[in-house]
PDB file of N, CA and C in Angstrom:
ATOM      1  N   MET A   1       0.821  -1.255  -0.025  1.00  0.00           N
ATOM      2  CA  MET A   1      -0.024   0.029  -0.013  1.00  0.00           C
ATOM      3  C   MET A   1       0.799   1.266   0.139  1.00  0.00           C
ATOM      4  N   SER A   2       0.522   2.132  -0.853  1.00  0.00           N
ATOM      5  CA  SER A   2       1.392   3.399  -1.128  1.00  0.00           C
ATOM      6  C   SER A   2       1.142   4.425   0.272  1.00  0.00           C
ATOM      7  N   ARG A   3       2.028   5.265   0.260  1.00  0.00           N
ATOM      8  CA  ARG A   3       1.998   6.324   1.496  1.00  0.00           C
ATOM      9  C   ARG A   3       0.647   7.119   1.366  1.00  0.00           C
ATOM     10  N   ALA A   4       0.373   7.460   0.034  1.00  0.00           N
ATOM     11  CA  ALA A   4      -0.705   8.174  -0.132  1.00  0.00           C
ATOM     12  C   ALA A   4      -1.962   7.506   0.286  1.00  0.00           C
ATOM     13  N   SER A   5      -2.014   6.132  -0.029  1.00  0.00           N
ATOM     14  CA  SER A   5      -3.148   5.312   0.234  1.00  0.00           C
ATOM     15  C   SER A   5      -3.496   5.237   1.772  1.00  0.00           C
ATOM     16  N   LYS A   6      -2.269   5.051   2.457  1.00  0.00           N
ATOM     17  CA  LYS A   6      -2.288   4.950   3.808  1.00  0.00           C
ATOM     18  C   LYS A   6      -2.598   6.170   4.651  1.00  0.00           C
ATOM     19  N   GLU A   7      -2.318   7.389   3.975  1.00  0.00           N
ATOM     20  CA  GLU A   7      -2.777   8.602   4.536  1.00  0.00           C
ATOM     21  C   GLU A   7      -4.237   8.819   4.266  1.00  0.00           C
ATOM     22  N   LYS A   8      -4.786   8.354   3.040  1.00  0.00           N
ATOM     23  CA  LYS A   8      -6.379   8.379   2.840  1.00  0.00           C
ATOM     24  C   LYS A   8      -6.983   7.509   3.745  1.00  0.00           C
ATOM     25  N   MET A   9      -6.394   6.291   4.052  1.00  0.00           N
ATOM     26  CA  MET A   9      -7.092   5.441   5.022  1.00  0.00           C
ATOM     27  C   MET A   9      -7.100   6.006   6.461  1.00  0.00           C
ATOM     28  N   ARG A  10      -5.987   6.675   6.843  1.00  0.00           N
ATOM     29  CA  ARG A  10      -5.953   7.198   8.208  1.00  0.00           C
ATOM     30  C   ARG A  10      -7.012   8.283   8.227  1.00  0.00           C
ATOM     31  N   ILE A  11      -7.068   9.276   7.212  1.00  0.00           N
ATOM     32  CA  ILE A  11      -8.157  10.262   7.211  1.00  0.00           C
ATOM     33  C   ILE A  11      -9.513   9.640   7.227  1.00  0.00           C
ATOM     34  N   THR A  12      -9.857   8.635   6.583  1.00  0.00           N
ATOM     35  CA  THR A  12     -11.085   8.091   6.530  1.00  0.00           C
ATOM     36  C   THR A  12     -11.407   7.499   7.812  1.00  0.00           C
ATOM     37  N   VAL A  13     -10.491   6.721   8.526  1.00  0.00           N
ATOM     38  CA  VAL A  13     -10.857   6.205   9.975  1.00  0.00           C
ATOM     39  C   VAL A  13     -11.031   7.314  10.890  1.00  0.00           C
ATOM     40  N   GLU A  14     -10.277   8.591  10.752  1.00  0.00           N
ATOM     41  CA  GLU A  14     -10.477   9.743  11.701  1.00  0.00           C
ATOM     42  C   GLU A  14     -11.883  10.408  11.310  1.00  0.00           C
ATOM     43  N   LEU A  15     -12.198  10.448  10.071  1.00  0.00           N
ATOM     44  CA  LEU A  15     -13.605  10.887   9.719  1.00  0.00           C
ATOM     45  C   LEU A  15     -14.759  10.187  10.440  1.00  0.00           C
ATOM     46  N   VAL A  16     -14.617   8.744  10.277  1.00  0.00           N
ATOM     47  CA  VAL A  16     -15.562   7.892  10.862  1.00  0.00           C
ATOM     48  C   VAL A  16     -15.638   8.093  12.430  1.00  0.00           C
ATOM     49  N   ARG A  17     -14.344   8.277  13.100  1.00  0.00           N
ATOM     50  CA  ARG A  17     -14.319   8.377  14.420  1.00  0.00           C
ATOM     51  C   ARG A  17     -14.912   9.721  14.889  1.00  0.00           C
ATOM     52  N   ARG A  18     -14.962  10.755  13.936  1.00  0.00           N
ATOM     53  CA  ARG A  18     -15.462  11.980  14.299  1.00  0.00           C
ATOM     54  C   ARG A  18     -16.996  12.064  13.998  1.00  0.00           C
ATOM     55  N   GLY A  19     -17.727  10.921  13.533  1.00  0.00           N
ATOM     56  CA  GLY A  19     -19.010  10.947  13.129  1.00  0.00           C
ATOM     57  C   GLY A  19     -19.458  10.654  11.830  1.00  0.00           C
ATOM     58  N   ALA A  20     -18.614  10.604  10.753  1.00  0.00           N
ATOM     59  CA  ALA A  20     -18.950  10.327   9.369  1.00  0.00           C
ATOM     60  C   ALA A  20     -19.605   8.915   9.184  1.00  0.00           C
ATOM     61  N   THR A  21     -20.363   8.979   8.208  1.00  0.00           N
ATOM     62  CA  THR A  21     -21.156   7.750   7.991  1.00  0.00           C
ATOM     63  C   THR A  21     -20.702   7.020   6.889  1.00  0.00           C
ATOM     64  N   LEU A  22     -20.403   5.710   6.760  1.00  0.00           N
ATOM     65  CA  LEU A  22     -19.921   5.013   5.713  1.00  0.00           C
ATOM     66  C   LEU A  22     -21.249   4.751   4.790  1.00  0.00           C
ATOM     67  N   LEU A  23     -21.228   5.075   3.546  1.00  0.00           N
ATOM     68  CA  LEU A  23     -22.334   4.795   2.788  1.00  0.00           C
ATOM     69  C   LEU A  23     -22.170   3.545   1.971  1.00  0.00           C
ATOM     70  N   LYS A  24     -23.345   2.836   1.860  1.00  0.00           N
ATOM     71  CA  LYS A  24     -23.239   1.489   1.114  1.00  0.00           C
ATOM     72  C   LYS A  24     -23.064   1.641  -0.309  1.00  0.00           C
ATOM     73  N   GLU A  25     -23.496   2.752  -0.957  1.00  0.00           N
ATOM     74  CA  GLU A  25     -23.294   2.940  -2.291  1.00  0.00           C
ATOM     75  C   GLU A  25     -21.845   3.270  -2.674  1.00  0.00           C
ATOM     76  N   PRO A  26     -21.352   2.674  -3.651  1.00  0.00           N
ATOM     77  CA  PRO A  26     -19.871   3.181  -3.998  1.00  0.00           C
ATOM     78  C   PRO A  26     -19.887   4.257  -4.834  1.00  0.00           C
ATOM     79  N   CYS A  27     -18.753   5.024  -4.966  1.00  0.00           N
ATOM     80  CA  CYS A  27     -18.634   6.186  -5.725  1.00  0.00           C
ATOM     81  C   CYS A  27     -18.962   5.820  -7.133  1.00  0.00           C
ATOM     82  N   THR A  28     -19.767   6.695  -7.855  1.00  0.00           N
ATOM     83  CA  THR A  28     -20.310   6.493  -9.188  1.00  0.00           C
ATOM     84  C   THR A  28     -19.090   6.884 -10.114  1.00  0.00           C
ATOM     85  N   VAL A  29     -17.933   7.468  -9.639  1.00  0.00           N
ATOM     86  CA  VAL A  29     -16.951   7.991 -10.622  1.00  0.00           C
ATOM     87  C   VAL A  29     -15.889   6.781 -10.639  1.00  0.00           C
ATOM     88  N   CYS A  30     -15.493   6.262  -9.398  1.00  0.00           N
ATOM     89  CA  CYS A  30     -14.412   5.471  -9.385  1.00  0.00           C
ATOM     90  C   CYS A  30     -14.690   4.041  -8.621  1.00  0.00           C
ATOM     91  N   GLY A  31     -15.737   4.020  -7.997  1.00  0.00           N
ATOM     92  CA  GLY A  31     -16.298   2.729  -7.303  1.00  0.00           C
ATOM     93  C   GLY A  31     -15.746   2.643  -5.914  1.00  0.00           C
ATOM     94  N   GLY A  32     -15.101   3.766  -5.438  1.00  0.00           N
ATOM     95  CA  GLY A  32     -14.537   3.782  -3.998  1.00  0.00           C
ATOM     96  C   GLY A  32     -15.534   3.949  -2.907  1.00  0.00           C
ATOM     97  N   VAL A  33     -14.997   3.965  -1.725  1.00  0.00           N
ATOM     98  CA  VAL A  33     -15.850   3.942  -0.490  1.00  0.00           C
ATOM     99  C   VAL A  33     -16.174   5.406  -0.297  1.00  0.00           C
ATOM    100  N   GLN A  34     -17.420   5.700  -0.103  1.00  0.00           N
ATOM    101  CA  GLN A  34     -17.965   7.068   0.206  1.00  0.00           C
ATOM    102  C   GLN A  34     -18.317   7.156   1.712  1.00  0.00           C
ATOM    103  N   VAL A  35     -18.265   8.324   2.218  1.00  0.00           N
ATOM    104  CA  VAL A  35     -18.563   8.676   3.560  1.00  0.00           C
ATOM    105  C   VAL A  35     -19.451   9.993   3.435  1.00  0.00           C
ATOM    106  N   ARG A  36     -20.461  10.226   4.427  1.00  0.00           N
ATOM    107  CA  ARG A  36     -21.174  11.543   4.572  1.00  0.00           C
ATOM    108  C   ARG A  36     -20.661  12.199   5.788  1.00  0.00           C
ATOM    109  N   TYR A  37     -20.034  13.339   5.665  1.00  0.00           N
ATOM    110  CA  TYR A  37     -19.466  14.100   6.829  1.00  0.00           C
ATOM    111  C   TYR A  37     -20.067  15.567   6.754  1.00  0.00           C
ATOM    112  N   HIS A  38     -20.625  15.934   7.886  1.00  0.00           N
ATOM    113  CA  HIS A  38     -21.197  17.323   7.875  1.00  0.00           C
ATOM    114  C   HIS A  38     -22.079  17.582   6.699  1.00  0.00           C
ATOM    115  N   GLY A  39     -22.844  16.472   6.300  1.00  0.00           N
ATOM    116  CA  GLY A  39     -23.731  16.813   5.140  1.00  0.00           C
ATOM    117  C   GLY A  39     -23.187  16.619   3.817  1.00  0.00           C
ATOM    118  N   LYS A  40     -21.935  16.401   3.677  1.00  0.00           N
ATOM    119  CA  LYS A  40     -21.295  16.335   2.442  1.00  0.00           C
ATOM    120  C   LYS A  40     -20.818  14.938   2.179  1.00  0.00           C
ATOM    121  N   VAL A  41     -21.059  14.450   0.879  1.00  0.00           N
ATOM    122  CA  VAL A  41     -20.674  13.079   0.500  1.00  0.00           C
ATOM    123  C   VAL A  41     -19.206  13.144  -0.136  1.00  0.00           C
ATOM    124  N   ILE A  42     -18.318  12.275   0.545  1.00  0.00           N
ATOM    125  CA  ILE A  42     -16.926  12.357   0.094  1.00  0.00           C
ATOM    126  C   ILE A  42     -16.440  10.876  -0.301  1.00  0.00           C
ATOM    127  N   CYS A  43     -15.813  10.898  -1.437  1.00  0.00           N
ATOM    128  CA  CYS A  43     -15.308   9.703  -1.886  1.00  0.00           C
ATOM    129  C   CYS A  43     -13.813   9.541  -1.181  1.00  0.00           C
ATOM    130  N   THR A  44     -13.600   8.659  -0.534  1.00  0.00           N
ATOM    131  CA  THR A  44     -12.346   8.417   0.145  1.00  0.00           C
ATOM    132  C   THR A  44     -11.027   7.933  -0.873  1.00  0.00           C
ATOM    133  N   SER A  45     -11.564   7.727  -2.077  1.00  0.00           N
ATOM    134  CA  SER A  45     -10.592   7.307  -3.003  1.00  0.00           C
ATOM    135  C   SER A  45     -10.095   8.447  -3.958  1.00  0.00           C
ATOM    136  N   HIS A  46     -10.996   9.233  -4.412  1.00  0.00           N
ATOM    137  CA  HIS A  46     -10.528  10.134  -5.370  1.00  0.00           C
ATOM    138  C   HIS A  46     -10.701  11.767  -5.036  1.00  0.00           C
ATOM    139  N   ASP A  47     -11.440  11.944  -3.927  1.00  0.00           N
ATOM    140  CA  ASP A  47     -11.716  13.313  -3.583  1.00  0.00           C
ATOM    141  C   ASP A  47     -10.352  13.653  -2.746  1.00  0.00           C
ATOM    142  N   ASP A  48     -10.056  14.919  -2.656  1.00  0.00           N
ATOM    143  CA  ASP A  48      -8.871  15.681  -1.865  1.00  0.00           C
ATOM    144  C   ASP A  48      -9.475  15.537  -0.397  1.00  0.00           C
ATOM    145  N   LEU A  49      -8.815  14.811   0.305  1.00  0.00           N
ATOM    146  CA  LEU A  49      -9.155  14.778   1.865  1.00  0.00           C
ATOM    147  C   LEU A  49      -8.260  15.644   2.644  1.00  0.00           C
ATOM    148  N   SER A  50      -7.242  16.249   2.094  1.00  0.00           N
ATOM    149  CA  SER A  50      -6.401  17.097   2.850  1.00  0.00           C
ATOM    150  C   SER A  50      -6.954  18.069   3.814  1.00  0.00           C
ATOM    151  N   GLY A  51      -7.989  18.878   3.297  1.00  0.00           N
ATOM    152  CA  GLY A  51      -8.554  19.799   4.113  1.00  0.00           C
ATOM    153  C   GLY A  51      -9.868  19.517   4.853  1.00  0.00           C
ATOM    154  N   VAL A  52     -10.257  18.306   4.686  1.00  0.00           N
ATOM    155  CA  VAL A  52     -11.484  17.847   5.489  1.00  0.00           C
ATOM    156  C   VAL A  52     -11.458  17.858   6.982  1.00  0.00           C
ATOM    157  N   LEU A  53     -10.374  17.566   7.466  1.00  0.00           N
ATOM    158  CA  LEU A  53     -10.190  17.376   8.963  1.00  0.00           C
ATOM    159  C   LEU A  53     -10.038  18.805   9.486  1.00  0.00           C
ATOM    160  N   THR A  54      -9.540  19.607   8.795  1.00  0.00           N
ATOM    161  CA  THR A  54      -9.180  20.994   9.313  1.00  0.00           C
ATOM    162  C   THR A  54     -10.225  22.067   9.365  1.00  0.00           C
ATOM    163  N   THR A  55     -11.375  21.620   8.782  1.00  0.00           N
ATOM    164  CA  THR A  55     -12.437  22.559   8.723  1.00  0.00           C
ATOM    165  C   THR A  55     -12.970  22.778  10.178  1.00  0.00           C
ATOM    166  N   GLU A  56     -13.254  24.065  10.516  1.00  0.00           N
ATOM    167  CA  GLU A  56     -13.647  24.492  11.678  1.00  0.00           C
ATOM    168  C   GLU A  56     -15.068  24.187  12.003  1.00  0.00           C
ATOM    169  N   GLU A  57     -15.417  23.713  13.152  1.00  0.00           N
ATOM    170  CA  GLU A  57     -16.921  23.536  13.530  1.00  0.00           C
ATOM    171  C   GLU A  57     -17.580  24.871  13.610  1.00  0.00           C
ATOM    172  N   VAL A  58     -18.791  25.007  12.994  1.00  0.00           N
ATOM    173  CA  VAL A  58     -19.321  26.245  13.273  1.00  0.00           C
ATOM    174  C   VAL A  58     -20.453  26.115  14.170  1.00  0.00           C
ATOM    175  N   THR A  59     -20.581  26.869  15.276  1.00  0.00           N
ATOM    176  CA  THR A  59     -21.475  26.769  16.351  1.00  0.00           C
ATOM    177  C   THR A  59     -22.244  28.100  16.208  1.00  0.00           C
ATOM    178  N   TYR A  60     -23.392  28.153  16.959  1.00  0.00           N
ATOM    179  CA  TYR A  60     -24.249  29.333  17.043  1.00  0.00           C
ATOM    180  C   TYR A  60     -23.484  30.345  17.930  1.00  0.00           C
ATOM    181  N   GLU A  61     -22.903  29.784  19.008  1.00  0.00           N
ATOM    182  CA  GLU A  61     -22.273  30.724  19.900  1.00  0.00           C
ATOM    183  C   GLU A  61     -21.118  31.389  19.279  1.00  0.00           C
ATOM    184  N   GLY A  62     -20.323  30.700  18.366  1.00  0.00           N
ATOM    185  CA  GLY A  62     -19.240  31.381  17.652  1.00  0.00           C
ATOM    186  C   GLY A  62     -19.763  32.265  16.600  1.00  0.00           C
ATOM    187  N   VAL A  63     -20.901  32.047  15.995  1.00  0.00           N
ATOM    188  CA  VAL A  63     -21.354  32.984  15.005  1.00  0.00           C
ATOM    189  C   VAL A  63     -21.775  34.188  15.870  1.00  0.00           C
ATOM    190  N   ALA A  64     -22.549  34.083  16.751  1.00  0.00           N
ATOM    191  CA  ALA A  64     -23.180  34.986  17.533  1.00  0.00           C
ATOM    192  C   ALA A  64     -22.010  36.116  18.089  1.00  0.00           C
ATOM    193  N   SER A  65     -20.900  35.324  18.534  1.00  0.00           N
ATOM    194  CA  SER A  65     -19.723  36.163  19.011  1.00  0.00           C
ATOM    195  C   SER A  65     -19.272  36.874  17.921  1.00  0.00           C
ATOM    196  N   SER A  66     -18.831  36.405  16.758  1.00  0.00           N
ATOM    197  CA  SER A  66     -18.424  37.212  15.614  1.00  0.00           C
ATOM    198  C   SER A  66     -19.454  38.312  15.195  1.00  0.00           C
ATOM    199  N   LEU A  67     -20.678  38.040  15.190  1.00  0.00           N
ATOM    200  CA  LEU A  67     -21.649  38.961  14.845  1.00  0.00           C
ATOM    201  C   LEU A  67     -21.679  40.110  15.826  1.00  0.00           C
ATOM    202  N   ARG A  68     -21.391  39.920  17.150  1.00  0.00           N
ATOM    203  CA  ARG A  68     -21.377  40.863  18.122  1.00  0.00           C
ATOM    204  C   ARG A  68     -20.304  41.760  17.708  1.00  0.00           C
ATOM    205  N   THR A  69     -19.089  41.287  17.626  1.00  0.00           N
ATOM    206  CA  THR A  69     -17.890  42.056  17.365  1.00  0.00           C
ATOM    207  C   THR A  69     -18.060  42.917  16.218  1.00  0.00           C
ATOM    208  N   LEU A  70     -18.565  42.393  15.081  1.00  0.00           N
ATOM    209  CA  LEU A  70     -18.865  42.958  13.887  1.00  0.00           C
ATOM    210  C   LEU A  70     -19.756  44.261  14.117  1.00  0.00           C
ATOM    211  N   LEU A  71     -20.941  44.051  14.815  1.00  0.00           N
ATOM    212  CA  LEU A  71     -22.008  45.071  15.020  1.00  0.00           C
ATOM    213  C   LEU A  71     -21.389  46.081  15.967  1.00  0.00           C
ATOM    214  N   LEU A  72     -20.651  45.757  16.873  1.00  0.00           N
ATOM    215  CA  LEU A  72     -20.009  46.761  17.592  1.00  0.00           C
ATOM    216  C   LEU A  72     -19.086  47.619  16.896  1.00  0.00           C
ATOM    217  N   SER A  73     -18.353  47.017  15.903  1.00  0.00           N
ATOM    218  CA  SER A  73     -17.301  47.762  15.197  1.00  0.00           C
ATOM    219  C   SER A  73     -18.122  48.642  14.304  1.00  0.00           C
ATOM    220  N   LYS A  74     -19.221  48.282  13.668  1.00  0.00           N
ATOM    221  CA  LYS A  74     -19.924  49.161  12.729  1.00  0.00           C
ATOM    222  C   LYS A  74     -20.719  50.188  13.507  1.00  0.00           C
ATOM    223  N   ALA A  75     -21.045  49.887  14.585  1.00  0.00           N
ATOM    224  CA  ALA A  75     -21.785  50.951  15.455  1.00  0.00           C
ATOM    225  C   ALA A  75     -20.703  52.024  15.838  1.00  0.00           C
ATOM    226  N   ARG A  76     -19.545  51.717  16.206  1.00  0.00           N
ATOM    227  CA  ARG A  76     -18.474  52.651  16.472  1.00  0.00           C
ATOM    228  C   ARG A  76     -18.209  53.453  15.377  1.00  0.00           C
ATOM    229  N   GLU A  77     -18.042  52.800  14.050  1.00  0.00           N
ATOM    230  CA  GLU A  77     -17.943  53.515  12.770  1.00  0.00           C
ATOM    231  C   GLU A  77     -18.823  54.587  12.399  1.00  0.00           C
ATOM    232  N   ALA A  78     -20.188  54.077  12.734  1.00  0.00           N
ATOM    233  CA  ALA A  78     -21.301  55.082  12.417  1.00  0.00           C
ATOM    234  C   ALA A  78     -21.359  56.103  13.356  1.00  0.00           C
ATOM    235  N   ALA A  79     -21.060  55.927  14.564  1.00  0.00           N
ATOM    236  CA  ALA A  79     -20.948  56.959  15.603  1.00  0.00           C
ATOM    237  C   ALA A  79     -19.907  57.985  15.311  1.00  0.00           C
ATOM    238  N   ASP A  80     -18.745  57.555  14.797  1.00  0.00           N
ATOM    239  CA  ASP A  80     -17.694  58.527  14.468  1.00  0.00           C
ATOM    240  C   ASP A  80     -18.166  59.266  13.232  1.00  0.00           C
ATOM    241  N   LEU A  81     -18.742  58.741  12.299  1.00  0.00           N
ATOM    242  CA  LEU A  81     -19.389  59.526  11.215  1.00  0.00           C
ATOM    243  C   LEU A  81     -20.417  60.431  11.602  1.00  0.00           C
ATOM    244  N   LEU A  82     -21.315  60.089  12.573  1.00  0.00           N
ATOM    245  CA  LEU A  82     -22.298  60.994  13.010  1.00  0.00           C
ATOM    246  C   LEU A  82     -21.646  62.118  13.718  1.00  0.00           C
ATOM    247  N   GLU A  83     -20.726  62.048  14.537  1.00  0.00           N
ATOM    248  CA  GLU A  83     -19.991  63.112  15.268  1.00  0.00           C
ATOM    249  C   GLU A  83     -19.606  64.182  14.227  1.00  0.00           C
ATOM    250  N   LYS A  84     -19.039  63.748  13.085  1.00  0.00           N
ATOM    251  CA  LYS A  84     -18.525  64.883  12.122  1.00  0.00           C
ATOM    252  C   LYS A  84     -19.525  65.217  11.183  1.00  0.00           C
ATOM    253  N   GLU A  85     -20.785  64.556  11.242  1.00  0.00           N
ATOM    254  CA  GLU A  85     -21.801  65.031  10.067  1.00  0.00           C
ATOM    255  C   GLU A  85     -22.586  66.200  10.417  1.00  0.00           C
ATOM    256  N   GLN A  86     -22.689  67.236   9.458  1.00  0.00           N
ATOM    257  CA  GLN A  86     -23.420  68.316   9.592  1.00  0.00           C
ATOM    258  C   GLN A  86     -24.852  68.363   9.067  1.00  0.00           C
ATOM    259  N   ASP A  87     -25.032  67.411   7.878  1.00  0.00           N
ATOM    260  CA  ASP A  87     -26.444  67.436   7.365  1.00  0.00           C
ATOM    261  C   ASP A  87     -27.211  66.563   8.125  1.00  0.00           C
ATOM    262  N   THR A  88     -28.356  67.326   8.479  1.00  0.00           N
ATOM    263  CA  THR A  88     -29.368  66.616   9.435  1.00  0.00           C
ATOM    264  C   THR A  88     -30.070  65.280   8.866  1.00  0.00           C
ATOM    265  N   LEU A  89     -30.056  65.310   7.422  1.00  0.00           N
ATOM    266  CA  LEU A  89     -30.843  64.208   6.954  1.00  0.00           C
ATOM    267  C   LEU A  89     -29.897  63.068   7.012  1.00  0.00           C
ATOM    268  N   LYS A  90     -28.459  63.208   6.889  1.00  0.00           N
ATOM    269  CA  LYS A  90     -27.520  62.103   6.979  1.00  0.00           C
ATOM    270  C   LYS A  90     -27.389  61.741   8.357  1.00  0.00           C
ATOM    271  N   GLN A  91     -27.609  62.645   9.361  1.00  0.00           N
ATOM    272  CA  GLN A  91     -27.360  62.504  10.766  1.00  0.00           C
ATOM    273  C   GLN A  91     -28.706  61.574  11.153  1.00  0.00           C
ATOM    274  N   ASP A  92     -29.747  61.702  10.650  1.00  0.00           N
ATOM    275  CA  ASP A  92     -30.995  61.060  10.920  1.00  0.00           C
ATOM    276  C   ASP A  92     -30.780  59.372  10.364  1.00  0.00           C
ATOM    277  N   GLN A  93     -30.061  59.326   9.255  1.00  0.00           N
ATOM    278  CA  GLN A  93     -29.842  58.143   8.567  1.00  0.00           C
ATOM    279  C   GLN A  93     -28.968  57.278   9.503  1.00  0.00           C
ATOM    280  N   LEU A  94     -27.971  57.987  10.051  1.00  0.00           N
ATOM    281  CA  LEU A  94     -26.850  57.360  10.877  1.00  0.00           C
ATOM    282  C   LEU A  94     -27.397  57.014  12.183  1.00  0.00           C
ATOM    283  N   VAL A  95     -28.216  57.853  12.670  1.00  0.00           N
ATOM    284  CA  VAL A  95     -28.861  57.512  13.867  1.00  0.00           C
ATOM    285  C   VAL A  95     -29.801  56.190  13.857  1.00  0.00           C
ATOM    286  N   SER A  96     -30.513  56.184  12.714  1.00  0.00           N
ATOM    287  CA  SER A  96     -31.430  55.027  12.428  1.00  0.00           C
ATOM    288  C   SER A  96     -30.487  53.712  12.366  1.00  0.00           C
ATOM    289  N   LEU A  97     -29.338  53.803  11.558  1.00  0.00           N
ATOM    290  CA  LEU A  97     -28.447  52.713  11.552  1.00  0.00           C
ATOM    291  C   LEU A  97     -27.797  52.223  12.813  1.00  0.00           C
ATOM    292  N   ILE A  98     -27.357  53.237  13.527  1.00  0.00           N
ATOM    293  CA  ILE A  98     -26.866  52.802  15.021  1.00  0.00           C
ATOM    294  C   ILE A  98     -27.893  52.116  15.734  1.00  0.00           C
ATOM    295  N   SER A  99     -29.208  52.703  15.726  1.00  0.00           N
ATOM    296  CA  SER A  99     -30.310  52.100  16.495  1.00  0.00           C
ATOM    297  C   SER A  99     -30.558  50.694  16.137  1.00  0.00           C
ATOM    298  N   LYS A 100     -30.449  50.349  14.783  1.00  0.00           N
ATOM    299  CA  LYS A 100     -30.545  48.952  14.162  1.00  0.00           C
ATOM    300  C   LYS A 100     -29.491  48.162  14.845  1.00  0.00           C
ATOM    301  N   TYR A 101     -28.280  48.492  14.831  1.00  0.00           N
ATOM    302  CA  TYR A 101     -27.120  47.845  15.450  1.00  0.00           C
ATOM    303  C   TYR A 101     -27.276  47.456  16.845  1.00  0.00           C
ATOM    304  N   VAL A 102     -27.882  48.433  17.563  1.00  0.00           N
ATOM    305  CA  VAL A 102     -27.999  48.268  19.074  1.00  0.00           C
ATOM    306  C   VAL A 102     -29.234  47.371  19.344  1.00  0.00           C
ATOM    307  N   GLU A 103     -30.195  47.392  18.506  1.00  0.00           N
ATOM    308  CA  GLU A 103     -31.385  46.468  18.480  1.00  0.00           C
ATOM    309  C   GLU A 103     -30.801  44.969  18.193  1.00  0.00           C
ATOM    310  N   LEU A 104     -30.139  44.789  17.196  1.00  0.00           N
ATOM    311  CA  LEU A 104     -29.486  43.459  16.950  1.00  0.00           C
ATOM    312  C   LEU A 104     -28.629  43.060  18.067  1.00  0.00           C
ATOM    313  N   LEU A 105     -27.819  43.880  18.503  1.00  0.00           N
ATOM    314  CA  LEU A 105     -27.038  43.513  19.740  1.00  0.00           C
ATOM    315  C   LEU A 105     -27.729  43.015  20.994  1.00  0.00           C
ATOM    316  N   GLN A 106     -28.891  43.641  21.254  1.00  0.00           N
ATOM    317  CA  GLN A 106     -29.610  43.244  22.222  1.00  0.00           C
ATOM    318  C   GLN A 106     -30.341  41.894  22.102  1.00  0.00           C
ATOM    319  N   LYS A 107     -30.578  41.515  20.801  1.00  0.00           N
ATOM    320  CA  LYS A 107     -31.217  40.289  20.445  1.00  0.00           C
ATOM    321  C   LYS A 107     -30.097  39.192  20.687  1.00  0.00           C
ATOM    322  N   LEU A 108     -28.865  39.338  20.640  1.00  0.00           N
ATOM    323  CA  LEU A 108     -27.934  38.398  20.781  1.00  0.00           C
ATOM    324  C   LEU A 108     -27.715  37.831  22.200  1.00  0.00           C
ATOM    325  N   PRO A 109     -27.300  36.583  22.335  1.00  0.00           N
ATOM    326  CA  PRO A 109     -27.126  36.058  23.721  1.00  0.00           C
ATOM    327  C   PRO A 109     -26.009  36.841  24.409  1.00  0.00           C
ATOM    328  N   GLU A 110     -25.994  36.799  25.730  1.00  0.00           N
ATOM    329  CA  GLU A 110     -24.967  37.510  26.349  1.00  0.00           C
ATOM    330  C   GLU A 110     -23.548  36.901  26.026  1.00  0.00           C
ATOM    331  N   HIS A 111     -22.582  37.704  25.876  1.00  0.00           N
ATOM    332  CA  HIS A 111     -21.153  37.262  25.706  1.00  0.00           C
ATOM    333  C   HIS A 111     -20.651  36.362  26.881  1.00  0.00           C
ATOM    334  N   ARG A 112     -20.211  35.227  26.491  1.00  0.00           N
ATOM    335  CA  ARG A 112     -19.732  34.249  27.524  1.00  0.00           C
ATOM    336  C   ARG A 112     -18.218  34.338  27.840  1.00  0.00           C
TER     337      ARG A 112
END
């Protein structure tokens, strides 16, 4: 067995260990073993498996935390613009935008 084959076997075993499901249907392209991992069907023979194990798990908490950081940054940017703005119509638009950012922030779960 070649080194590349051994590496693909190791990755396949690791995928199954992490919850991948072996599929009974062989790959329609090459007849190889297929697994379903995070909703994606992967052929363990011909698909590139190099990045499969390094994909980061997406969680609600992680997305909420990133969104909180983004909203705070955007609110700060809008507040800086508001401070310098002289046009009352643009001020009104900026206040409305900041208000929406704050409203979204309040809907997110507390930062842990």
